């Protein structure tokens, strides 16, 4: 079992470069933090909505990461955002056993 931080924020239209810059900066910080497992980022440019999903070993590590990362996000997007960002910490359920885990995450040619 592991946990994830699901972050959603809106920047408005035509702000992809801002989202890319912010994503790169926060990703670099995340990767140096204890318990980090990986991230996936979702960009919906036509609506101006962006999401980040960061994986952590434990709920405590996800919460500690959030204490560092979320204030940085809020500060960086305040001049672009149309709404306040949101964050949820959730348990990750893998719907496969360990033998199938690699198959579910890696495309084999």
C-alpha atoms as a PDB file:
ATOM      1  CA  UNK A   1       0.000   0.000   0.000  1.00  0.00           C
ATOM      2  CA  UNK A   2       1.149   3.511  -0.742  1.00  0.00           C
ATOM      3  CA  UNK A   3      -0.354   7.001  -0.993  1.00  0.00           C
ATOM      4  CA  UNK A   4      -0.742   9.835  -3.460  1.00  0.00           C
ATOM      5  CA  UNK A   5      -1.206  13.575  -3.420  1.00  0.00           C
ATOM      6  CA  UNK A   6      -3.740  14.685  -6.012  1.00  0.00           C
ATOM      7  CA  UNK A   7      -3.392  18.389  -6.760  1.00  0.00           C
ATOM      8  CA  UNK A   8      -5.733  20.337  -9.042  1.00  0.00           C
ATOM      9  CA  UNK A   9      -5.332  23.956 -10.091  1.00  0.00           C
ATOM     10  CA  UNK A  10      -6.596  26.271 -12.808  1.00  0.00           C
ATOM     11  CA  UNK A  11      -4.463  28.845 -14.564  1.00  0.00           C
ATOM     12  CA  UNK A  12      -6.815  29.970 -17.277  1.00  0.00           C
ATOM     13  CA  UNK A  13      -6.331  29.538 -20.997  1.00  0.00           C
ATOM     14  CA  UNK A  14      -2.987  29.913 -22.776  1.00  0.00           C
ATOM     15  CA  UNK A  15      -0.941  29.274 -19.638  1.00  0.00           C
ATOM     16  CA  UNK A  16       0.744  26.005 -20.601  1.00  0.00           C
ATOM     17  CA  UNK A  17       4.251  27.460 -20.312  1.00  0.00           C
ATOM     18  CA  UNK A  18       3.492  28.575 -16.768  1.00  0.00           C
ATOM     19  CA  UNK A  19       2.200  25.082 -15.940  1.00  0.00           C
ATOM     20  CA  UNK A  20       5.264  23.429 -17.486  1.00  0.00           C
ATOM     21  CA  UNK A  21       7.672  25.685 -15.582  1.00  0.00           C
ATOM     22  CA  UNK A  22       5.864  25.141 -12.298  1.00  0.00           C
ATOM     23  CA  UNK A  23       5.646  21.388 -12.864  1.00  0.00           C
ATOM     24  CA  UNK A  24       9.369  21.146 -13.584  1.00  0.00           C
ATOM     25  CA  UNK A  25      10.286  23.153 -10.476  1.00  0.00           C
ATOM     26  CA  UNK A  26       8.053  21.215  -8.088  1.00  0.00           C
ATOM     27  CA  UNK A  27       8.991  17.870  -9.627  1.00  0.00           C
ATOM     28  CA  UNK A  28      12.684  18.522  -8.938  1.00  0.00           C
ATOM     29  CA  UNK A  29      11.891  19.232  -5.286  1.00  0.00           C
ATOM     30  CA  UNK A  30       9.615  16.174  -4.992  1.00  0.00           C
ATOM     31  CA  UNK A  31      12.246  13.800  -6.358  1.00  0.00           C
ATOM     32  CA  UNK A  32      14.657  14.755  -3.569  1.00  0.00           C
ATOM     33  CA  UNK A  33      12.147  14.117  -0.780  1.00  0.00           C
ATOM     34  CA  UNK A  34      12.117  10.969   1.333  1.00  0.00           C
ATOM     35  CA  UNK A  35       9.421   8.467   0.377  1.00  0.00           C
ATOM     36  CA  UNK A  36       8.884   9.799  -3.162  1.00  0.00           C
ATOM     37  CA  UNK A  37       7.819   7.102  -5.662  1.00  0.00           C
ATOM     38  CA  UNK A  38       6.966   9.053  -8.812  1.00  0.00           C
ATOM     39  CA  UNK A  39       4.588  11.493 -10.442  1.00  0.00           C
ATOM     40  CA  UNK A  40       2.151  11.825 -13.294  1.00  0.00           C
ATOM     41  CA  UNK A  41       0.994  15.193 -14.621  1.00  0.00           C
ATOM     42  CA  UNK A  42      -2.226  15.994 -16.471  1.00  0.00           C
ATOM     43  CA  UNK A  43      -2.614  19.105 -18.620  1.00  0.00           C
ATOM     44  CA  UNK A  44      -5.985  20.169 -20.016  1.00  0.00           C
ATOM     45  CA  UNK A  45      -4.968  23.294 -21.894  1.00  0.00           C
ATOM     46  CA  UNK A  46      -8.375  24.161 -23.419  1.00  0.00           C
ATOM     47  CA  UNK A  47      -9.913  24.454 -19.939  1.00  0.00           C
ATOM     48  CA  UNK A  48      -6.765  25.730 -18.236  1.00  0.00           C
ATOM     49  CA  UNK A  49      -6.941  22.929 -15.652  1.00  0.00           C
ATOM     50  CA  UNK A  50      -3.835  21.101 -14.503  1.00  0.00           C
ATOM     51  CA  UNK A  51      -3.322  18.170 -12.143  1.00  0.00           C
ATOM     52  CA  UNK A  52      -0.420  16.461 -10.464  1.00  0.00           C
ATOM     53  CA  UNK A  53      -0.443  13.006  -8.943  1.00  0.00           C
ATOM     54  CA  UNK A  54       2.569  12.302  -6.712  1.00  0.00           C
ATOM     55  CA  UNK A  55       3.138   8.873  -5.175  1.00  0.00           C
ATOM     56  CA  UNK A  56       4.589   8.416  -1.671  1.00  0.00           C
ATOM     57  CA  UNK A  57       5.505   5.396   0.443  1.00  0.00           C
ATOM     58  CA  UNK A  58       3.372   6.438   3.443  1.00  0.00           C
ATOM     59  CA  UNK A  59       0.572   8.854   4.290  1.00  0.00           C
ATOM     60  CA  UNK A  60       2.933  10.668   6.653  1.00  0.00           C
ATOM     61  CA  UNK A  61       5.479  11.229   3.875  1.00  0.00           C
ATOM     62  CA  UNK A  62       2.736  12.493   1.558  1.00  0.00           C
ATOM     63  CA  UNK A  63       1.558  14.909   4.241  1.00  0.00           C
ATOM     64  CA  UNK A  64       5.107  16.103   4.954  1.00  0.00           C
ATOM     65  CA  UNK A  65       5.689  16.657   1.248  1.00  0.00           C
ATOM     66  CA  UNK A  66       2.449  18.594   1.045  1.00  0.00           C
ATOM     67  CA  UNK A  67       3.603  20.935   3.820  1.00  0.00           C
ATOM     68  CA  UNK A  68       6.569  21.872   1.634  1.00  0.00           C
ATOM     69  CA  UNK A  69       5.095  21.704  -1.869  1.00  0.00           C
ATOM     70  CA  UNK A  70       1.586  23.110  -1.533  1.00  0.00           C
ATOM     71  CA  UNK A  71       2.619  26.560  -0.197  1.00  0.00           C
ATOM     72  CA  UNK A  72       5.108  26.845  -3.083  1.00  0.00           C
ATOM     73  CA  UNK A  73       2.339  26.029  -5.564  1.00  0.00           C
ATOM     74  CA  UNK A  74      -0.027  28.567  -4.006  1.00  0.00           C
ATOM     75  CA  UNK A  75       2.617  31.280  -4.068  1.00  0.00           C
ATOM     76  CA  UNK A  76       3.643  30.641  -7.675  1.00  0.00           C
ATOM     77  CA  UNK A  77       0.156  30.531  -9.194  1.00  0.00           C
ATOM     78  CA  UNK A  78      -1.508  33.404  -7.353  1.00  0.00           C
ATOM     79  CA  UNK A  79      -1.008  35.833 -10.245  1.00  0.00           C
ATOM     80  CA  UNK A  80      -2.354  33.332 -12.821  1.00  0.00           C
ATOM     81  CA  UNK A  81      -4.914  31.230 -10.977  1.00  0.00           C
ATOM     82  CA  UNK A  82      -8.638  31.619 -11.380  1.00  0.00           C
ATOM     83  CA  UNK A  83      -9.297  29.561  -8.217  1.00  0.00           C
ATOM     84  CA  UNK A  84      -7.392  28.289  -5.218  1.00  0.00           C
ATOM     85  CA  UNK A  85      -5.651  24.961  -5.817  1.00  0.00           C
ATOM     86  CA  UNK A  86      -6.929  21.844  -4.080  1.00  0.00           C
ATOM     87  CA  UNK A  87      -5.113  18.847  -2.675  1.00  0.00           C
ATOM     88  CA  UNK A  88      -6.253  15.419  -1.522  1.00  0.00           C
ATOM     89  CA  UNK A  89      -4.153  12.671  -0.043  1.00  0.00           C
ATOM     90  CA  UNK A  90      -5.496   9.269  -1.013  1.00  0.00           C
ATOM     91  CA  UNK A  91      -4.572   5.623  -0.666  1.00  0.00           C
ATOM     92  CA  UNK A  92      -3.481   3.957  -3.902  1.00  0.00           C
ATOM     93  CA  UNK A  93      -5.051   0.608  -4.730  1.00  0.00           C
ATOM     94  CA  UNK A  94      -3.290  -1.592  -7.268  1.00  0.00           C
ATOM     95  CA  UNK A  95      -5.820  -3.847  -8.973  1.00  0.00           C
ATOM     96  CA  UNK A  96      -3.195  -6.438  -9.836  1.00  0.00           C
ATOM     97  CA  UNK A  97      -0.957  -8.846  -7.990  1.00  0.00           C
ATOM     98  CA  UNK A  98       2.824  -8.400  -7.930  1.00  0.00           C
ATOM     99  CA  UNK A  99       3.358 -10.666 -10.957  1.00  0.00           C
ATOM    100  CA  UNK A 100       1.201  -8.418 -13.133  1.00  0.00           C
ATOM    101  CA  UNK A 101       2.449  -5.102 -11.748  1.00  0.00           C
ATOM    102  CA  UNK A 102       5.216  -4.693 -14.316  1.00  0.00           C
ATOM    103  CA  UNK A 103       2.859  -5.633 -17.130  1.00  0.00           C
ATOM    104  CA  UNK A 104       0.353  -2.999 -16.037  1.00  0.00           C
ATOM    105  CA  UNK A 105       2.931  -0.179 -16.034  1.00  0.00           C
ATOM    106  CA  UNK A 106       5.365  -0.994 -18.832  1.00  0.00           C
ATOM    107  CA  UNK A 107       4.607  -1.623 -22.474  1.00  0.00           C
ATOM    108  CA  UNK A 108       6.677  -4.547 -23.673  1.00  0.00           C
ATOM    109  CA  UNK A 109       7.427  -4.689 -27.379  1.00  0.00           C
END
